[in-house]
Amino acid sequence: MGPDDPRRFDRRRFLAAGAADPVIPGPPFTLGVASGDPTPTAVVLWTRLAPDPLNGGGMPPDDVAVGWEVATDDGFTDVVASGTAVATAAHAHSVHVDAAGLAPATHYHYRFTAGGFTSPTGRTRTAPATGSSPSSMRFAFASCQSWTDGYYTAHAALAAEDVDVVHFLGDYIYEGGGSGVRSHGSPEVTTLAAYRNRYALYKGDANLQAAHAAFPWIVTWDDHEVENNYAGLVPQDPADAATFAARRAVAYQAWWEHQPVRLPAPTGPDLQIRRSFDWGDLARFAVLDGRQHRSDQACGDSLGQPCPEMDAPGRTMLGPEQEAWLDGVLRGSPAVWNVVANQTILAPMPLGPGINLDQWDGYPAAQQRLLDLFAAPGVTNPVVITGDIHASWITELPTSAKDRTSPTVGLELVGTSISSDFDDALAPIFEQLLTGLPGTHYVNARDRGYTVVELTRSQLTASYRVVSTVTAPEATVATATTFSWPVESAARPTPGPAGSTSGAPVTPAFTG
């Protein structure tokens, strides 16, 4: 790269763009680096300058010049893209670089520089070329990483996996106060400054930083990024209704500031985060937002009894616009596998006489519309990946939400949490109730971890990884079960509470 190469870092161009070159009071890359939203020729690179991360960041009140580089090697002898970015004070000195002009299906290394400091090096990759036909790919998915419930031993294990991309399905932070295994160190967060400090607390974790630095991530949110069980602009506590739009606005801004997403910065209480990604013609990933556009829960917002209002046909989980978008994404898909990244459980999940009203069961008309879409001509091999529940469940999706014995229309892989707990007293009951449902292949409410999925042109294989503990800083990792699911043209297991196709039993082999 010669002195006249336009990719070379240009300090004068930074300053001309209005960015300052102040003295940074200490190492600024305390929150690590991340990449995300890969396409065949581009990937988003992220960092945030924060020498004092838990106290507002500790940066001068100026926009700051940041250099970035992408190379084919970790020594950066072959730099293929570089440039300048401005870390704005208005966005907590976060940086989002859409590094373009890259080669498809290629691994890269990247780093940032600012104020004489150099960031850790991250590793990322691009998606395969449009129209290509990859023979296989591997992705992981995870969710729910409550700081107070445990250490991120699962992220330490995830960072050592061999996957192409990680999907994070929500509850990246928890908004509440309190302490447990670790302390949040503050009351419930409601302001922009407080949300920023909470993200800084979480992103300061070395294991989480390692998992971000190892792979590109595709991130969506759930409720705890704002407030537990909120629905659209309806807060959990009705007394907060007058101020909730303002709270959602600052929560969405802080989320955007701390994630490697190809999205414009929000300017109010709304941020459209639905998006899709193709992995050649092997897989299409549709990333949903199941919080911002949903109707309020009709009969309460947790476990409870169904009520007549719940069945109103106009009630929605995704909103009409997102439903129409998803219809187009799936019906027009050329992919062998169509994977829907989703927050809350889609499959009908009766819990004795009650249901979880915050899940799709609480929105039966919308639930059935999505199952009908999966059954539509041309929608091949739909698979839903889900978080939220802090438990693992592999279940077939029935054609009818009211009849678990109806023909199978797809598969749902529900993954456990990174650290968020499941009530130990309720775990055996939960496992017993779900194990008895038709189409169930695996239930585990006792272990924490993540899921690795391999897709080939003939089958899906899901490996449920669990860690031995989250109450200590270090743990071992094991595979609790491995489940295989063939493409639609191949023979599939008969619906019912039988063992997985890999031979793993329905009653889980607990290892933690």
Protein backbone atom coordinates (compact mmCIF):
# COMPACT_ATOMS: atom_id res chain seq x y z
CA MET A 1 0.00 0.00 0.00
CA GLY A 2 1.82 3.10 -1.24
CA PRO A 3 1.74 6.64 0.14
CA ASP A 4 -0.87 7.71 -2.38
CA ASP A 5 -3.19 4.74 -1.83
CA PRO A 6 -6.63 6.11 -0.86
CA ARG A 7 -7.00 3.33 1.70
CA ARG A 8 -4.08 4.67 3.76
CA PHE A 9 -4.93 6.31 7.09
CA ASP A 10 -4.97 10.09 6.54
CA ARG A 11 -4.86 12.16 9.73
CA ARG A 12 -5.30 15.41 7.81
CA ARG A 13 -8.46 14.07 6.21
CA PHE A 14 -9.76 13.22 9.69
CA LEU A 15 -9.17 16.73 10.93
CA ALA A 16 -10.67 18.25 7.80
CA ALA A 17 -13.79 16.17 8.42
CA GLY A 18 -14.24 17.90 11.76
CA ALA A 19 -12.84 15.19 14.00
CA ALA A 20 -10.49 16.23 16.75
CA ASP A 21 -7.14 14.77 17.64
CA PRO A 22 -7.28 15.20 21.43
CA VAL A 23 -5.13 13.49 24.00
CA ILE A 24 -6.95 10.31 25.00
CA PRO A 25 -6.50 9.89 28.75
CA GLY A 26 -5.83 6.15 28.67
CA PRO A 27 -6.15 2.99 26.57
CA PRO A 28 -9.49 3.48 24.77
CA PHE A 29 -10.23 -0.01 23.45
CA THR A 30 -11.43 -1.43 26.77
CA LEU A 31 -14.61 -2.86 25.23
CA GLY A 32 -12.83 -4.82 22.52
CA VAL A 33 -13.77 -5.08 18.88
CA ALA A 34 -16.57 -6.80 16.98
CA SER A 35 -17.81 -7.44 13.46
CA GLY A 36 -21.21 -8.29 12.08
CA ASP A 37 -23.85 -8.38 9.36
CA PRO A 38 -21.60 -10.08 6.75
CA THR A 39 -22.42 -9.91 3.04
CA PRO A 40 -20.40 -11.37 0.15
CA THR A 41 -18.32 -8.18 -0.16
CA ALA A 42 -18.62 -6.31 3.14
CA VAL A 43 -18.76 -6.63 6.92
CA VAL A 44 -19.46 -4.10 9.65
CA LEU A 45 -16.55 -3.41 12.03
CA TRP A 46 -17.26 -2.03 15.50
CA THR A 47 -15.47 -0.57 18.48
CA ARG A 48 -16.03 2.14 21.07
CA LEU A 49 -13.46 4.46 22.61
CA ALA A 50 -13.90 4.21 26.39
CA PRO A 51 -10.84 4.68 28.62
CA ASP A 52 -13.17 4.86 31.65
CA PRO A 53 -15.96 2.56 30.46
CA LEU A 54 -18.14 2.40 33.60
CA ASN A 55 -18.23 6.16 34.07
CA GLY A 56 -19.55 7.45 30.78
CA GLY A 57 -16.55 6.35 28.76
CA GLY A 58 -14.07 8.93 29.96
CA MET A 59 -13.52 10.54 26.56
CA PRO A 60 -13.06 14.27 25.84
CA PRO A 61 -16.27 15.93 24.57
CA ASP A 62 -15.03 15.96 20.96
CA ASP A 63 -15.45 13.77 17.91
CA VAL A 64 -12.29 11.70 17.51
CA ALA A 65 -10.38 10.35 14.51
CA VAL A 66 -10.14 6.56 14.31
CA GLY A 67 -8.20 4.56 11.77
CA TRP A 68 -9.18 1.07 10.66
CA GLU A 69 -7.51 -1.68 8.66
CA VAL A 70 -8.56 -5.02 7.19
CA ALA A 71 -5.94 -7.57 6.20
CA THR A 72 -5.75 -11.17 5.06
CA ASP A 73 -3.25 -11.96 7.83
CA ASP A 74 -3.07 -11.16 11.54
CA GLY A 75 0.30 -9.47 11.06
CA PHE A 76 -1.33 -6.93 8.68
CA THR A 77 1.32 -7.35 6.00
CA ASP A 78 -1.41 -7.68 3.37
CA VAL A 79 -3.85 -4.83 4.06
CA VAL A 80 -6.73 -4.99 1.60
CA ALA A 81 -8.89 -2.18 2.97
CA SER A 82 -8.36 0.72 5.34
CA GLY A 83 -9.70 4.14 6.02
CA THR A 84 -10.84 6.69 8.51
CA ALA A 85 -13.90 6.95 10.68
CA VAL A 86 -15.17 9.47 13.16
CA ALA A 87 -16.08 8.37 16.68
CA THR A 88 -18.72 10.94 17.56
CA ALA A 89 -19.33 12.14 21.08
CA ALA A 90 -23.06 12.10 20.32
CA HIS A 91 -22.89 8.31 19.95
CA ALA A 92 -20.58 7.56 22.88
CA HIS A 93 -17.52 7.53 20.61
CA SER A 94 -18.69 4.30 19.01
CA VAL A 95 -17.47 3.36 15.54
CA HIS A 96 -19.37 1.51 12.83
CA VAL A 97 -17.34 0.90 9.68
CA ASP A 98 -18.98 -0.83 6.71
CA ALA A 99 -15.80 -2.31 5.26
CA ALA A 100 -16.64 -2.92 1.60
CA GLY A 101 -14.83 -4.20 -1.48
CA LEU A 102 -13.88 -7.49 0.16
CA ALA A 103 -13.73 -10.91 -1.49
CA PRO A 104 -16.57 -13.39 -0.88
CA ALA A 105 -16.15 -16.38 1.44
CA THR A 106 -12.90 -15.05 2.86
CA HIS A 107 -11.52 -14.69 6.37
CA TYR A 108 -10.01 -11.35 7.35
CA HIS A 109 -8.37 -9.69 10.33
CA TYR A 110 -9.13 -6.12 11.40
CA ARG A 111 -8.06 -3.50 13.94
CA PHE A 112 -8.46 0.15 14.89
CA THR A 113 -6.09 2.93 15.92
CA ALA A 114 -6.79 6.15 17.85
CA GLY A 115 -4.68 8.60 19.81
CA GLY A 116 -1.58 6.46 19.48
CA PHE A 117 -3.34 3.33 20.73
CA THR A 118 -4.05 0.16 18.74
CA SER A 119 -7.04 -2.08 19.39
CA PRO A 120 -7.02 -5.84 19.80
CA THR A 121 -7.22 -7.71 16.50
CA GLY A 122 -10.50 -9.26 15.43
CA ARG A 123 -11.18 -12.01 12.92
CA THR A 124 -14.16 -11.97 10.61
CA ARG A 125 -15.35 -13.37 7.30
CA THR A 126 -17.58 -12.54 4.38
CA ALA A 127 -20.52 -14.55 3.10
CA PRO A 128 -20.24 -16.67 -0.05
CA ALA A 129 -20.82 -15.04 -3.41
CA THR A 130 -24.40 -14.44 -4.53
CA GLY A 131 -25.55 -17.40 -6.59
CA SER A 132 -22.88 -19.73 -5.25
CA SER A 133 -23.76 -23.17 -3.87
CA PRO A 134 -21.81 -23.88 -0.68
CA SER A 135 -21.76 -27.50 0.39
CA SER A 136 -22.00 -26.61 4.07
CA MET A 137 -21.82 -23.88 6.71
CA ARG A 138 -21.78 -23.72 10.50
CA PHE A 139 -23.37 -21.13 12.75
CA ALA A 140 -23.91 -20.79 16.46
CA PHE A 141 -26.79 -19.14 18.26
CA ALA A 142 -27.06 -17.85 21.80
CA SER A 143 -29.12 -15.51 23.98
CA CYS A 144 -29.80 -14.27 27.49
CA GLN A 145 -26.61 -13.32 29.29
CA SER A 146 -27.64 -11.92 32.67
CA TRP A 147 -24.55 -10.51 34.38
CA THR A 148 -25.90 -11.16 37.85
CA ASP A 149 -26.81 -14.80 37.15
CA GLY A 150 -23.35 -15.96 36.18
CA TYR A 151 -20.00 -15.78 34.45
CA TYR A 152 -19.68 -16.03 30.69
CA THR A 153 -18.02 -19.44 30.64
CA ALA A 154 -20.17 -20.28 27.62
CA HIS A 155 -18.64 -17.41 25.66
CA ALA A 156 -15.15 -18.71 26.47
CA ALA A 157 -16.15 -22.02 24.90
CA LEU A 158 -17.96 -20.37 21.99
CA ALA A 159 -14.85 -18.38 21.08
CA ALA A 160 -13.00 -21.66 20.47
CA GLU A 161 -15.66 -23.10 18.11
CA ASP A 162 -15.28 -23.43 14.35
CA VAL A 163 -18.30 -21.49 13.06
CA ASP A 164 -18.87 -19.00 10.27
CA VAL A 165 -21.21 -16.63 12.10
CA VAL A 166 -22.94 -16.22 15.47
CA HIS A 167 -26.60 -15.27 15.87
CA PHE A 168 -27.47 -13.54 19.12
CA LEU A 169 -31.21 -13.66 19.77
CA GLY A 170 -31.71 -11.05 22.46
CA ASP A 171 -31.31 -10.12 26.12
CA TYR A 172 -27.74 -8.95 25.51
CA ILE A 173 -28.02 -6.89 28.69
CA TYR A 174 -30.46 -6.95 31.59
CA GLU A 175 -31.88 -3.64 32.72
CA GLY A 176 -32.53 -4.41 36.36
CA GLY A 177 -30.46 -3.65 39.41
CA GLY A 178 -29.32 -6.04 42.07
CA SER A 179 -26.61 -8.64 42.37
CA GLY A 180 -26.08 -12.37 42.44
CA VAL A 181 -23.02 -14.19 41.16
CA ARG A 182 -21.92 -10.74 39.96
CA SER A 183 -23.33 -7.30 40.73
CA HIS A 184 -24.80 -4.83 38.28
CA GLY A 185 -23.44 -2.12 40.55
CA SER A 186 -26.38 0.21 39.91
CA PRO A 187 -30.18 0.34 40.15
CA GLU A 188 -32.41 -0.36 37.16
CA VAL A 189 -31.24 1.62 34.14
CA THR A 190 -33.61 4.09 32.47
CA THR A 191 -31.42 6.90 31.07
CA LEU A 192 -29.01 7.01 28.13
CA ALA A 193 -26.01 7.37 30.42
CA ALA A 194 -27.11 4.43 32.54
CA TYR A 195 -27.80 2.16 29.55
CA ARG A 196 -24.36 3.04 28.15
CA ASN A 197 -22.69 2.13 31.43
CA ARG A 198 -24.63 -1.16 31.57
CA TYR A 199 -23.45 -2.10 28.06
CA ALA A 200 -19.91 -1.14 29.06
CA LEU A 201 -20.14 -3.43 32.09
CA TYR A 202 -21.22 -6.39 29.96
CA LYS A 203 -18.87 -5.70 27.05
CA GLY A 204 -15.94 -5.39 29.45
CA ASP A 205 -16.14 -9.15 30.03
CA ALA A 206 -13.08 -10.82 28.47
CA ASN A 207 -14.97 -13.95 27.39
CA LEU A 208 -17.66 -11.94 25.61
CA GLN A 209 -14.95 -9.88 23.91
CA ALA A 210 -13.23 -13.08 22.76
CA ALA A 211 -16.43 -14.45 21.21
CA HIS A 212 -17.03 -11.16 19.39
CA ALA A 213 -13.45 -11.00 18.14
CA ALA A 214 -13.56 -14.56 16.77
CA PHE A 215 -16.53 -14.34 14.36
CA PRO A 216 -18.99 -11.93 12.78
CA TRP A 217 -22.24 -11.69 14.74
CA ILE A 218 -25.81 -11.09 13.57
CA VAL A 219 -27.68 -9.52 16.48
CA THR A 220 -31.30 -8.86 17.33
CA TRP A 221 -32.88 -7.79 20.61
CA ASP A 222 -35.58 -8.97 22.98
CA ASP A 223 -37.14 -7.26 26.00
CA HIS A 224 -34.34 -6.77 28.53
CA GLU A 225 -32.47 -4.39 26.25
CA VAL A 226 -35.25 -1.99 27.28
CA GLU A 227 -37.54 -3.41 30.01
CA ASN A 228 -38.83 -6.84 30.91
CA ASN A 229 -41.83 -7.97 28.83
CA TYR A 230 -42.50 -4.61 27.20
CA ALA A 231 -44.71 -4.71 24.10
CA GLY A 232 -44.32 -1.98 21.49
CA LEU A 233 -44.73 1.27 23.40
CA VAL A 234 -46.48 -0.41 26.33
CA PRO A 235 -44.25 -0.81 29.40
CA GLN A 236 -44.53 -3.62 31.90
CA ASP A 237 -45.56 -1.15 34.60
CA PRO A 238 -48.55 0.98 33.48
CA ALA A 239 -47.32 3.80 35.73
CA ASP A 240 -44.37 4.25 33.35
CA ALA A 241 -46.53 4.79 30.24
CA ALA A 242 -46.00 8.56 30.01
CA THR A 243 -42.22 8.28 29.88
CA PHE A 244 -41.77 4.93 28.16
CA ALA A 245 -41.30 6.24 24.59
CA ALA A 246 -38.39 8.35 25.80
CA ARG A 247 -36.92 5.39 27.67
CA ARG A 248 -37.23 3.15 24.61
CA ALA A 249 -35.50 5.79 22.49
CA VAL A 250 -32.41 5.95 24.69
CA ALA A 251 -32.34 2.15 25.11
CA TYR A 252 -32.44 1.65 21.35
CA GLN A 253 -29.70 4.24 20.90
CA ALA A 254 -27.45 2.52 23.42
CA TRP A 255 -28.11 -0.86 21.77
CA TRP A 256 -27.12 0.56 18.37
CA GLU A 257 -24.03 2.22 19.81
CA HIS A 258 -22.76 -1.12 21.12
CA GLN A 259 -23.55 -3.55 18.30
CA PRO A 260 -21.86 -4.28 14.93
CA VAL A 261 -24.99 -3.67 12.85
CA ARG A 262 -25.53 -2.20 9.40
CA LEU A 263 -28.27 0.14 10.53
CA PRO A 264 -28.62 3.92 10.70
CA ALA A 265 -28.41 5.45 14.15
CA PRO A 266 -31.87 5.85 15.69
CA THR A 267 -33.23 9.36 16.14
CA GLY A 268 -36.23 8.55 18.31
CA PRO A 269 -38.10 5.62 19.86
CA ASP A 270 -38.10 3.57 16.62
CA LEU A 271 -35.36 1.54 14.91
CA GLN A 272 -36.07 -0.93 12.11
CA ILE A 273 -33.77 -3.90 12.77
CA ARG A 274 -35.37 -6.67 10.70
CA ARG A 275 -33.01 -7.81 7.95
CA SER A 276 -32.01 -10.89 5.98
CA PHE A 277 -28.74 -12.52 4.94
CA ASP A 278 -27.93 -15.14 2.32
CA TRP A 279 -25.23 -17.80 2.53
CA GLY A 280 -25.11 -18.52 -1.18
CA ASP A 281 -28.11 -20.67 -2.01
CA LEU A 282 -27.56 -22.91 1.01
CA ALA A 283 -29.24 -20.75 3.64
CA ARG A 284 -31.25 -17.58 4.00
CA PHE A 285 -31.45 -16.02 7.47
CA ALA A 286 -34.39 -13.77 8.34
CA VAL A 287 -33.77 -11.76 11.52
CA LEU A 288 -36.97 -10.77 13.32
CA ASP A 289 -37.91 -8.04 15.78
CA GLY A 290 -40.54 -9.50 18.07
CA ARG A 291 -40.72 -6.58 20.52
CA GLN A 292 -41.00 -3.21 18.83
CA HIS A 293 -44.12 -3.87 16.76
CA ARG A 294 -46.12 -6.36 18.83
CA SER A 295 -49.56 -5.84 20.35
CA ASP A 296 -49.74 -5.65 24.11
CA GLN A 297 -50.12 -8.99 25.87
CA ALA A 298 -53.84 -9.59 26.20
CA CYS A 299 -54.18 -11.54 29.45
CA GLY A 300 -51.08 -10.63 31.40
CA ASP A 301 -47.46 -10.78 30.40
CA SER A 302 -46.19 -14.07 31.83
CA LEU A 303 -47.65 -17.50 32.68
CA GLY A 304 -51.42 -17.44 32.82
CA GLN A 305 -54.77 -18.55 31.49
CA PRO A 306 -55.90 -17.75 27.94
CA CYS A 307 -58.63 -15.14 27.60
CA PRO A 308 -61.04 -14.27 24.76
CA GLU A 309 -59.19 -11.04 23.90
CA MET A 310 -56.12 -13.10 23.04
CA ASP A 311 -57.81 -14.50 19.93
CA ALA A 312 -58.52 -11.17 18.22
CA PRO A 313 -57.36 -11.61 14.59
CA GLY A 314 -55.68 -8.21 14.44
CA ARG A 315 -53.28 -8.91 17.29
CA THR A 316 -49.73 -9.22 16.09
CA MET A 317 -46.26 -10.20 17.21
CA LEU A 318 -44.36 -8.66 14.28
CA GLY A 319 -46.66 -5.93 12.99
CA PRO A 320 -48.28 -5.96 9.52
CA GLU A 321 -45.28 -4.42 7.75
CA GLN A 322 -42.79 -6.93 9.15
CA GLU A 323 -45.18 -9.81 8.42
CA ALA A 324 -45.38 -8.72 4.79
CA TRP A 325 -41.59 -8.34 4.66
CA LEU A 326 -41.05 -11.84 6.02
CA ASP A 327 -43.55 -13.25 3.53
CA GLY A 328 -41.48 -11.78 0.69
CA VAL A 329 -38.17 -12.95 2.17
CA LEU A 330 -39.32 -16.55 2.54
CA ARG A 331 -41.50 -16.98 -0.56
CA GLY A 332 -38.76 -15.51 -2.73
CA SER A 333 -35.95 -17.52 -1.21
CA PRO A 334 -33.76 -19.72 -3.42
CA ALA A 335 -32.13 -21.30 -0.36
CA VAL A 336 -32.14 -24.94 0.67
CA TRP A 337 -32.66 -23.85 4.30
CA ASN A 338 -34.68 -20.86 5.49
CA VAL A 339 -33.68 -19.98 9.03
CA VAL A 340 -35.73 -17.51 11.06
CA ALA A 341 -33.88 -15.85 13.96
CA ASN A 342 -36.61 -15.28 16.50
CA GLN A 343 -36.89 -14.19 20.14
CA THR A 344 -39.71 -16.11 21.83
CA ILE A 345 -40.94 -19.68 21.37
CA LEU A 346 -43.12 -20.16 18.29
CA ALA A 347 -44.24 -23.77 18.82
CA PRO A 348 -47.43 -24.36 20.80
CA MET A 349 -46.23 -24.95 24.37
CA PRO A 350 -49.08 -25.71 26.79
CA LEU A 351 -47.90 -25.70 30.39
CA GLY A 352 -50.67 -27.66 32.06
CA PRO A 353 -53.83 -25.53 31.85
CA GLY A 354 -51.86 -22.34 31.16
CA ILE A 355 -49.52 -20.85 28.57
CA ASN A 356 -46.70 -18.34 28.43
CA LEU A 357 -48.59 -15.24 27.31
CA ASP A 358 -45.41 -13.42 26.26
CA GLN A 359 -44.60 -16.09 23.65
CA TRP A 360 -46.30 -16.70 20.32
CA ASP A 361 -48.90 -18.77 22.20
CA GLY A 362 -50.23 -15.45 23.52
CA TYR A 363 -50.74 -14.27 19.92
CA PRO A 364 -52.54 -17.25 18.33
CA ALA A 365 -53.70 -15.51 15.15
CA ALA A 366 -50.19 -14.28 14.39
CA GLN A 367 -48.76 -17.67 15.37
CA GLN A 368 -51.01 -19.42 12.87
CA ARG A 369 -50.19 -16.91 10.13
CA LEU A 370 -46.51 -17.70 10.50
CA LEU A 371 -47.12 -21.44 10.45
CA ASP A 372 -49.26 -20.96 7.32
CA LEU A 373 -46.37 -19.08 5.70
CA PHE A 374 -44.00 -21.96 6.47
CA ALA A 375 -46.46 -24.29 4.71
CA ALA A 376 -46.69 -22.07 1.63
CA PRO A 377 -45.44 -23.41 -1.72
CA GLY A 378 -41.82 -22.55 -2.33
CA VAL A 379 -40.87 -22.07 1.32
CA THR A 380 -38.37 -24.87 1.75
CA ASN A 381 -37.04 -26.33 4.99
CA PRO A 382 -38.07 -23.59 7.46
CA VAL A 383 -36.15 -23.67 10.73
CA VAL A 384 -36.72 -21.31 13.66
CA ILE A 385 -33.93 -20.57 16.13
CA THR A 386 -35.16 -19.17 19.42
CA GLY A 387 -33.86 -17.88 22.76
CA ASP A 388 -35.60 -16.18 25.72
CA ILE A 389 -36.71 -19.18 27.79
CA HIS A 390 -33.32 -20.13 29.39
CA ALA A 391 -33.92 -23.76 28.42
CA SER A 392 -33.30 -26.04 25.45
CA TRP A 393 -36.03 -27.64 23.40
CA ILE A 394 -36.01 -29.33 19.99
CA THR A 395 -39.52 -29.54 18.61
CA GLU A 396 -41.32 -29.95 15.32
CA LEU A 397 -43.66 -27.18 14.26
CA PRO A 398 -47.20 -28.39 13.53
CA THR A 399 -49.29 -27.13 10.65
CA SER A 400 -52.02 -26.14 13.11
CA ALA A 401 -51.18 -24.28 16.31
CA LYS A 402 -54.24 -25.87 17.89
CA ASP A 403 -53.24 -29.44 17.05
CA ARG A 404 -49.75 -30.63 17.96
CA THR A 405 -50.43 -33.89 16.08
CA SER A 406 -51.03 -32.10 12.76
CA PRO A 407 -48.46 -32.61 10.00
CA THR A 408 -45.04 -31.07 10.56
CA VAL A 409 -44.31 -27.81 8.75
CA GLY A 410 -40.87 -27.02 10.13
CA LEU A 411 -38.45 -27.32 13.01
CA GLU A 412 -37.75 -25.10 16.02
CA LEU A 413 -34.42 -25.17 17.83
CA VAL A 414 -34.78 -23.46 21.21
CA GLY A 415 -31.42 -22.70 22.80
CA THR A 416 -30.62 -22.26 26.45
CA SER A 417 -29.09 -19.12 27.93
CA ILE A 418 -25.48 -18.04 28.17
CA SER A 419 -25.89 -17.36 31.90
CA SER A 420 -29.50 -16.43 32.77
CA ASP A 421 -31.00 -18.93 35.18
CA PHE A 422 -34.02 -21.20 35.07
CA ASP A 423 -35.80 -21.89 38.36
CA ASP A 424 -34.33 -25.17 39.63
CA ALA A 425 -37.59 -26.13 41.31
CA LEU A 426 -39.54 -25.73 38.06
CA ALA A 427 -37.05 -27.42 35.75
CA PRO A 428 -38.26 -31.04 36.27
CA ILE A 429 -41.89 -30.00 35.77
CA PHE A 430 -41.05 -28.02 32.63
CA GLU A 431 -39.09 -30.94 31.20
CA GLN A 432 -41.88 -33.40 31.95
CA LEU A 433 -44.58 -31.24 30.37
CA LEU A 434 -42.62 -30.58 27.17
CA THR A 435 -41.25 -34.11 26.80
CA GLY A 436 -44.81 -35.38 26.55
CA LEU A 437 -45.71 -33.10 23.63
CA PRO A 438 -45.87 -34.61 20.13
CA GLY A 439 -42.90 -33.66 17.99
CA THR A 440 -40.52 -33.18 20.92
CA HIS A 441 -36.99 -34.53 20.54
CA TYR A 442 -35.06 -32.99 23.44
CA VAL A 443 -35.72 -30.92 26.55
CA ASN A 444 -33.18 -29.53 29.03
CA ALA A 445 -34.03 -26.77 31.51
CA ARG A 446 -31.00 -27.27 33.76
CA ASP A 447 -27.94 -26.35 31.71
CA ARG A 448 -26.51 -23.13 30.29
CA GLY A 449 -24.65 -22.85 27.00
CA TYR A 450 -25.21 -22.30 23.28
CA THR A 451 -26.03 -24.26 20.11
CA VAL A 452 -23.90 -25.01 17.04
CA VAL A 453 -25.75 -25.83 13.82
CA GLU A 454 -24.22 -27.32 10.69
CA LEU A 455 -26.18 -27.05 7.45
CA THR A 456 -25.43 -29.17 4.41
CA ARG A 457 -27.43 -29.64 1.26
CA SER A 458 -28.97 -32.80 2.71
CA GLN A 459 -29.37 -32.26 6.45
CA LEU A 460 -29.17 -30.03 9.51
CA THR A 461 -27.18 -31.12 12.56
CA ALA A 462 -27.60 -29.24 15.84
CA SER A 463 -25.15 -29.75 18.70
CA TYR A 464 -26.28 -28.43 22.08
CA ARG A 465 -23.19 -27.32 24.02
CA VAL A 466 -23.49 -26.97 27.80
CA VAL A 467 -21.03 -25.66 30.37
CA SER A 468 -20.33 -27.28 33.73
CA THR A 469 -21.00 -24.06 35.68
CA VAL A 470 -21.69 -20.34 35.40
CA THR A 471 -21.14 -19.65 39.08
CA ALA A 472 -17.35 -19.78 38.75
CA PRO A 473 -15.09 -17.98 36.25
CA GLU A 474 -13.97 -21.18 34.51
CA ALA A 475 -15.86 -24.24 33.31
CA THR A 476 -15.68 -27.23 31.02
CA VAL A 477 -17.93 -27.63 28.00
CA ALA A 478 -19.64 -30.76 26.67
CA THR A 479 -22.19 -31.72 24.05
CA ALA A 480 -25.47 -32.58 25.76
CA THR A 481 -27.14 -33.87 22.60
CA THR A 482 -26.71 -33.90 18.83
CA PHE A 483 -29.78 -33.85 16.62
CA SER A 484 -30.04 -34.38 12.85
CA TRP A 485 -32.89 -33.28 10.60
CA PRO A 486 -32.98 -34.10 6.87
CA VAL A 487 -34.20 -31.86 4.08
CA GLU A 488 -37.85 -32.17 3.10
CA SER A 489 -37.21 -34.68 0.34
CA ALA A 490 -35.69 -37.19 2.80
CA ALA A 491 -37.35 -39.39 5.37
CA ARG A 492 -38.00 -37.68 8.68
CA PRO A 493 -38.78 -39.05 12.13
CA THR A 494 -42.40 -39.71 12.97
CA PRO A 495 -43.81 -36.88 15.12
CA GLY A 496 -43.98 -37.80 18.75
CA PRO A 497 -41.88 -37.92 21.89
CA ALA A 498 -39.27 -40.23 20.41
CA GLY A 499 -35.50 -39.93 20.64
CA SER A 500 -33.57 -37.67 18.30
CA THR A 501 -32.42 -39.01 14.96
CA SER A 502 -28.88 -39.12 16.31
CA GLY A 503 -29.90 -41.52 19.04
CA ALA A 504 -29.83 -39.03 21.92
CA PRO A 505 -32.69 -39.63 24.36
CA VAL A 506 -35.54 -37.25 25.02
CA THR A 507 -34.58 -37.22 28.69
CA PRO A 508 -31.41 -35.13 28.49
CA ALA A 509 -27.99 -36.35 29.44
CA PHE A 510 -27.04 -33.55 31.81
CA THR A 511 -23.36 -32.73 32.04
CA GLY A 512 -23.28 -29.61 34.18
